[in-house]
Amino acid sequence: MDKKFRRLRRARKTRAKIAELGAIRLCVHRSNTHIYAQLIDATGGNVLASASSLEKDMRTQLKNGGNVDAAKAIGQLIAEKAKAIGVEKVSFDRAGFAFHGRVKALAEAAREHGLQF
């Protein structure tokens, strides 16, 4: 098994549990250079809101899209977008990534700005 396959296998288990709960999920993906977050409805078919370090205003605001500061900014942005559409409670889907570093920073920033999970 390669590294990507193991990560996707972990992600599948998490997503199955979230689907069982029927909750809106905050899905996070990170690459070496950027970080992305999406709010996906309970059916898994629609993206309600998204934020990434690739967005034009984020690119001007951030020096680097692949660090902890960028993750904190994206966490704050996704929390604000969630509040704007009336979402307060979500399930956190880390997509098989370890809950530390940038993924943890995004989650903590989202919690600080009003998302509950």
N, C-alpha and C. Protein backbone atom coordinates (compact mmCIF):
# COMPACT_ATOMS: atom_id res chain seq x y z
N MET A 1 0.83 -1.18 0.00
CA MET A 1 0.00 0.00 0.00
C MET A 1 0.88 1.25 0.00
N ASP A 2 0.54 2.17 -0.85
CA ASP A 2 1.31 3.41 -0.84
C ASP A 2 0.65 4.43 0.09
N LYS A 3 1.31 5.54 0.27
CA LYS A 3 0.89 6.55 1.23
C LYS A 3 -0.49 7.12 0.90
N LYS A 4 -0.74 7.42 -0.36
CA LYS A 4 -2.02 7.99 -0.76
C LYS A 4 -3.16 7.00 -0.53
N PHE A 5 -2.93 5.74 -0.86
CA PHE A 5 -3.96 4.72 -0.67
C PHE A 5 -4.34 4.58 0.80
N ARG A 6 -3.35 4.59 1.69
CA ARG A 6 -3.62 4.49 3.12
C ARG A 6 -4.42 5.70 3.62
N ARG A 7 -4.08 6.88 3.13
CA ARG A 7 -4.81 8.10 3.52
C ARG A 7 -6.26 8.02 3.05
N LEU A 8 -6.49 7.60 1.82
CA LEU A 8 -7.84 7.50 1.29
C LEU A 8 -8.66 6.43 2.01
N ARG A 9 -8.00 5.37 2.46
CA ARG A 9 -8.68 4.34 3.22
C ARG A 9 -9.15 4.89 4.57
N ARG A 10 -8.30 5.67 5.23
CA ARG A 10 -8.70 6.31 6.48
C ARG A 10 -9.85 7.28 6.24
N ALA A 11 -9.79 8.02 5.14
CA ALA A 11 -10.83 8.98 4.81
C ALA A 11 -12.17 8.30 4.58
N ARG A 12 -12.15 7.15 3.95
CA ARG A 12 -13.39 6.41 3.65
C ARG A 12 -14.10 6.02 4.95
N LYS A 13 -13.33 5.59 5.94
CA LYS A 13 -13.92 5.21 7.23
C LYS A 13 -14.59 6.40 7.91
N THR A 14 -13.91 7.54 7.89
CA THR A 14 -14.45 8.74 8.51
C THR A 14 -15.72 9.19 7.81
N ARG A 15 -15.69 9.19 6.50
CA ARG A 15 -16.84 9.65 5.73
C ARG A 15 -18.03 8.73 5.90
N ALA A 16 -17.80 7.45 6.08
CA ALA A 16 -18.90 6.51 6.33
C ALA A 16 -19.57 6.83 7.66
N LYS A 17 -18.79 7.13 8.67
CA LYS A 17 -19.34 7.47 9.99
C LYS A 17 -20.12 8.78 9.93
N ILE A 18 -19.60 9.78 9.21
CA ILE A 18 -20.28 11.06 9.09
C ILE A 18 -21.59 10.89 8.32
N ALA A 19 -21.60 10.05 7.30
CA ALA A 19 -22.82 9.78 6.53
C ALA A 19 -23.87 9.12 7.42
N GLU A 20 -23.43 8.24 8.32
CA GLU A 20 -24.33 7.61 9.27
C GLU A 20 -25.01 8.64 10.16
N LEU A 21 -24.25 9.64 10.57
CA LEU A 21 -24.77 10.69 11.44
C LEU A 21 -25.70 11.64 10.68
N GLY A 22 -25.52 11.74 9.38
CA GLY A 22 -26.34 12.64 8.57
C GLY A 22 -26.05 14.10 8.85
N ALA A 23 -24.79 14.42 9.03
CA ALA A 23 -24.39 15.78 9.37
C ALA A 23 -23.73 16.48 8.19
N ILE A 24 -23.77 17.80 8.23
CA ILE A 24 -23.01 18.59 7.26
C ILE A 24 -21.54 18.42 7.61
N ARG A 25 -20.70 18.22 6.60
CA ARG A 25 -19.30 17.99 6.93
C ARG A 25 -18.40 19.10 6.42
N LEU A 26 -17.41 19.40 7.22
CA LEU A 26 -16.36 20.34 6.86
C LEU A 26 -15.20 19.49 6.39
N CYS A 27 -15.00 19.44 5.08
CA CYS A 27 -13.97 18.60 4.48
C CYS A 27 -12.73 19.44 4.19
N VAL A 28 -11.59 18.95 4.61
CA VAL A 28 -10.33 19.66 4.46
C VAL A 28 -9.40 18.87 3.55
N HIS A 29 -8.73 19.56 2.66
CA HIS A 29 -7.68 18.94 1.85
C HIS A 29 -6.47 19.85 1.88
N ARG A 30 -5.31 19.24 1.98
CA ARG A 30 -4.09 20.05 1.96
C ARG A 30 -3.14 19.48 0.92
N SER A 31 -2.44 20.38 0.28
CA SER A 31 -1.37 19.99 -0.62
C SER A 31 -0.11 20.66 -0.08
N ASN A 32 0.99 20.47 -0.76
CA ASN A 32 2.22 21.11 -0.28
C ASN A 32 2.15 22.62 -0.34
N THR A 33 1.40 23.15 -1.29
CA THR A 33 1.39 24.60 -1.51
C THR A 33 0.12 25.31 -1.08
N HIS A 34 -0.99 24.59 -0.88
CA HIS A 34 -2.27 25.24 -0.56
C HIS A 34 -3.10 24.38 0.39
N ILE A 35 -4.16 25.00 0.93
CA ILE A 35 -5.11 24.29 1.77
C ILE A 35 -6.52 24.67 1.35
N TYR A 36 -7.42 23.71 1.39
CA TYR A 36 -8.78 23.89 0.90
C TYR A 36 -9.76 23.40 1.95
N ALA A 37 -10.94 24.04 2.03
CA ALA A 37 -12.00 23.60 2.94
C ALA A 37 -13.34 23.74 2.24
N GLN A 38 -14.21 22.76 2.43
CA GLN A 38 -15.53 22.79 1.83
C GLN A 38 -16.57 22.37 2.87
N LEU A 39 -17.74 22.99 2.81
CA LEU A 39 -18.89 22.55 3.58
C LEU A 39 -19.77 21.77 2.62
N ILE A 40 -19.99 20.49 2.93
CA ILE A 40 -20.75 19.61 2.05
C ILE A 40 -22.00 19.16 2.80
N ASP A 41 -23.16 19.21 2.13
CA ASP A 41 -24.42 18.87 2.79
C ASP A 41 -24.47 17.40 3.18
N ALA A 42 -25.51 17.05 3.94
CA ALA A 42 -25.61 15.71 4.53
C ALA A 42 -25.71 14.60 3.48
N THR A 43 -26.26 14.91 2.31
CA THR A 43 -26.36 13.88 1.27
C THR A 43 -25.03 13.66 0.57
N GLY A 44 -24.13 14.61 0.69
CA GLY A 44 -22.81 14.49 0.07
C GLY A 44 -22.80 14.94 -1.37
N GLY A 45 -23.90 15.52 -1.84
CA GLY A 45 -23.99 15.89 -3.24
C GLY A 45 -23.76 17.35 -3.55
N ASN A 46 -23.91 18.22 -2.56
CA ASN A 46 -23.81 19.65 -2.83
C ASN A 46 -22.77 20.32 -1.93
N VAL A 47 -21.99 21.20 -2.53
CA VAL A 47 -21.05 22.01 -1.77
C VAL A 47 -21.78 23.28 -1.37
N LEU A 48 -21.89 23.52 -0.08
CA LEU A 48 -22.60 24.69 0.42
C LEU A 48 -21.72 25.93 0.43
N ALA A 49 -20.46 25.76 0.78
CA ALA A 49 -19.51 26.87 0.81
C ALA A 49 -18.11 26.29 0.70
N SER A 50 -17.21 27.10 0.20
CA SER A 50 -15.82 26.65 0.10
C SER A 50 -14.88 27.83 0.33
N ALA A 51 -13.67 27.49 0.72
CA ALA A 51 -12.62 28.49 0.93
C ALA A 51 -11.29 27.82 0.65
N SER A 52 -10.39 28.55 0.04
CA SER A 52 -9.06 28.00 -0.21
C SER A 52 -8.03 29.11 -0.26
N SER A 53 -6.79 28.72 -0.15
CA SER A 53 -5.70 29.69 -0.21
C SER A 53 -5.44 30.12 -1.65
N LEU A 54 -6.19 29.57 -2.59
CA LEU A 54 -6.07 29.97 -4.00
C LEU A 54 -6.98 31.14 -4.37
N GLU A 55 -7.94 31.47 -3.52
CA GLU A 55 -8.86 32.56 -3.81
C GLU A 55 -8.09 33.87 -3.95
N LYS A 56 -8.58 34.74 -4.80
CA LYS A 56 -7.86 35.95 -5.14
C LYS A 56 -7.55 36.83 -3.92
N ASP A 57 -8.55 37.06 -3.06
CA ASP A 57 -8.31 37.90 -1.89
C ASP A 57 -7.37 37.23 -0.88
N MET A 58 -7.41 35.91 -0.80
CA MET A 58 -6.50 35.19 0.09
C MET A 58 -5.07 35.23 -0.45
N ARG A 59 -4.92 35.14 -1.76
CA ARG A 59 -3.57 35.17 -2.33
C ARG A 59 -2.88 36.49 -2.09
N THR A 60 -3.66 37.59 -2.11
CA THR A 60 -3.05 38.89 -1.83
C THR A 60 -2.77 39.06 -0.34
N GLN A 61 -3.61 38.45 0.49
CA GLN A 61 -3.47 38.58 1.94
C GLN A 61 -2.35 37.69 2.50
N LEU A 62 -2.18 36.50 1.92
CA LEU A 62 -1.23 35.54 2.44
C LEU A 62 0.07 35.55 1.63
N LYS A 63 1.17 35.41 2.33
CA LYS A 63 2.46 35.33 1.65
C LYS A 63 2.67 33.93 1.07
N ASN A 64 2.23 32.91 1.82
CA ASN A 64 2.42 31.53 1.42
C ASN A 64 1.12 30.77 1.72
N GLY A 65 0.63 29.99 0.78
CA GLY A 65 -0.62 29.26 0.97
C GLY A 65 -0.47 27.92 1.66
N GLY A 66 0.75 27.50 1.93
CA GLY A 66 0.96 26.17 2.48
C GLY A 66 1.54 26.16 3.87
N ASN A 67 1.16 27.13 4.70
CA ASN A 67 1.67 27.12 6.07
C ASN A 67 0.53 27.26 7.09
N VAL A 68 0.86 27.27 8.36
CA VAL A 68 -0.13 27.31 9.43
C VAL A 68 -0.91 28.62 9.41
N ASP A 69 -0.27 29.72 9.09
CA ASP A 69 -0.97 31.00 9.04
C ASP A 69 -2.06 30.99 7.97
N ALA A 70 -1.78 30.39 6.83
CA ALA A 70 -2.77 30.27 5.77
C ALA A 70 -3.93 29.39 6.23
N ALA A 71 -3.63 28.32 6.93
CA ALA A 71 -4.67 27.42 7.43
C ALA A 71 -5.59 28.13 8.42
N LYS A 72 -5.01 28.96 9.28
CA LYS A 72 -5.82 29.73 10.23
C LYS A 72 -6.75 30.69 9.49
N ALA A 73 -6.23 31.35 8.47
CA ALA A 73 -7.04 32.29 7.69
C ALA A 73 -8.18 31.57 6.97
N ILE A 74 -7.91 30.40 6.42
CA ILE A 74 -8.95 29.63 5.73
C ILE A 74 -9.98 29.12 6.72
N GLY A 75 -9.56 28.71 7.90
CA GLY A 75 -10.49 28.28 8.95
C GLY A 75 -11.44 29.41 9.35
N GLN A 76 -10.91 30.61 9.48
CA GLN A 76 -11.72 31.78 9.82
C GLN A 76 -12.70 32.07 8.68
N LEU A 77 -12.23 32.03 7.45
CA LEU A 77 -13.06 32.34 6.28
C LEU A 77 -14.20 31.33 6.12
N ILE A 78 -13.91 30.05 6.29
CA ILE A 78 -14.96 29.04 6.12
C ILE A 78 -15.99 29.15 7.25
N ALA A 79 -15.57 29.53 8.44
CA ALA A 79 -16.51 29.72 9.55
C ALA A 79 -17.43 30.90 9.27
N GLU A 80 -16.88 31.97 8.73
CA GLU A 80 -17.70 33.13 8.38
C GLU A 80 -18.70 32.79 7.28
N LYS A 81 -18.26 32.04 6.27
CA LYS A 81 -19.16 31.64 5.19
C LYS A 81 -20.25 30.70 5.71
N ALA A 82 -19.91 29.84 6.65
CA ALA A 82 -20.90 28.93 7.23
C ALA A 82 -21.96 29.71 8.00
N LYS A 83 -21.52 30.67 8.78
CA LYS A 83 -22.46 31.50 9.53
C LYS A 83 -23.39 32.25 8.58
N ALA A 84 -22.86 32.72 7.47
CA ALA A 84 -23.64 33.48 6.50
C ALA A 84 -24.77 32.64 5.90
N ILE A 85 -24.56 31.34 5.75
CA ILE A 85 -25.62 30.48 5.19
C ILE A 85 -26.43 29.78 6.28
N GLY A 86 -26.13 30.08 7.55
CA GLY A 86 -26.91 29.55 8.65
C GLY A 86 -26.47 28.20 9.18
N VAL A 87 -25.24 27.82 8.95
CA VAL A 87 -24.70 26.55 9.44
C VAL A 87 -23.84 26.82 10.66
N GLU A 88 -24.15 26.14 11.76
CA GLU A 88 -23.36 26.31 12.98
C GLU A 88 -22.69 25.03 13.42
N LYS A 89 -23.33 23.88 13.14
CA LYS A 89 -22.81 22.61 13.61
C LYS A 89 -22.41 21.74 12.42
N VAL A 90 -21.18 21.25 12.42
CA VAL A 90 -20.66 20.43 11.33
C VAL A 90 -19.88 19.25 11.90
N SER A 91 -19.60 18.29 11.04
CA SER A 91 -18.69 17.20 11.39
C SER A 91 -17.39 17.45 10.64
N PHE A 92 -16.27 17.26 11.32
CA PHE A 92 -14.97 17.56 10.72
C PHE A 92 -14.44 16.35 9.98
N ASP A 93 -14.20 16.51 8.69
CA ASP A 93 -13.65 15.46 7.84
C ASP A 93 -12.24 15.87 7.46
N ARG A 94 -11.26 15.22 8.07
CA ARG A 94 -9.87 15.59 7.82
C ARG A 94 -9.30 14.87 6.62
N ALA A 95 -10.11 14.08 5.93
CA ALA A 95 -9.74 13.39 4.68
C ALA A 95 -8.53 12.48 4.84
N GLY A 96 -8.40 11.87 6.01
CA GLY A 96 -7.32 10.93 6.24
C GLY A 96 -6.01 11.56 6.65
N PHE A 97 -5.95 12.89 6.67
CA PHE A 97 -4.73 13.57 7.11
C PHE A 97 -4.65 13.53 8.62
N ALA A 98 -3.45 13.55 9.16
CA ALA A 98 -3.26 13.57 10.61
C ALA A 98 -3.77 14.88 11.17
N PHE A 99 -4.40 14.82 12.34
CA PHE A 99 -4.93 16.02 12.98
C PHE A 99 -3.80 16.72 13.72
N HIS A 100 -2.96 17.36 12.94
CA HIS A 100 -1.89 18.15 13.54
C HIS A 100 -1.33 19.07 12.47
N GLY A 101 -0.65 20.12 12.88
CA GLY A 101 -0.11 21.06 11.91
C GLY A 101 -1.19 21.92 11.28
N ARG A 102 -1.20 21.95 9.94
CA ARG A 102 -2.13 22.82 9.22
C ARG A 102 -3.58 22.39 9.38
N VAL A 103 -3.85 21.11 9.43
CA VAL A 103 -5.22 20.63 9.58
C VAL A 103 -5.76 21.04 10.96
N LYS A 104 -4.95 20.89 11.98
CA LYS A 104 -5.34 21.28 13.33
C LYS A 104 -5.54 22.79 13.43
N ALA A 105 -4.68 23.56 12.79
CA ALA A 105 -4.79 25.03 12.82
C ALA A 105 -6.09 25.49 12.17
N LEU A 106 -6.46 24.87 11.05
CA LEU A 106 -7.70 25.20 10.38
C LEU A 106 -8.89 24.88 11.27
N ALA A 107 -8.89 23.71 11.90
CA ALA A 107 -9.99 23.30 12.77
C ALA A 107 -10.13 24.24 13.97
N GLU A 108 -9.04 24.58 14.59
CA GLU A 108 -9.09 25.46 15.76
C GLU A 108 -9.56 26.85 15.39
N ALA A 109 -9.14 27.37 14.23
CA ALA A 109 -9.59 28.69 13.79
C ALA A 109 -11.08 28.68 13.49
N ALA A 110 -11.57 27.59 12.89
CA ALA A 110 -13.00 27.49 12.61
C ALA A 110 -13.80 27.43 13.90
N ARG A 111 -13.30 26.71 14.90
CA ARG A 111 -13.98 26.65 16.20
C ARG A 111 -14.01 28.00 16.88
N GLU A 112 -12.90 28.72 16.83
CA GLU A 112 -12.80 30.03 17.47
C GLU A 112 -13.79 31.02 16.86
N HIS A 113 -14.10 30.84 15.59
CA HIS A 113 -14.99 31.78 14.90
C HIS A 113 -16.41 31.27 14.78
N GLY A 114 -16.79 30.29 15.60
CA GLY A 114 -18.19 29.96 15.75
C GLY A 114 -18.68 28.62 15.24
N LEU A 115 -17.88 27.83 14.56
CA LEU A 115 -18.35 26.52 14.12
C LEU A 115 -18.22 25.53 15.27
N GLN A 116 -19.21 24.66 15.39
CA GLN A 116 -19.17 23.64 16.45
C GLN A 116 -19.00 22.27 15.81
N PHE A 117 -18.00 21.52 16.28
CA PHE A 117 -17.82 20.13 15.85
C PHE A 117 -17.01 19.37 16.86
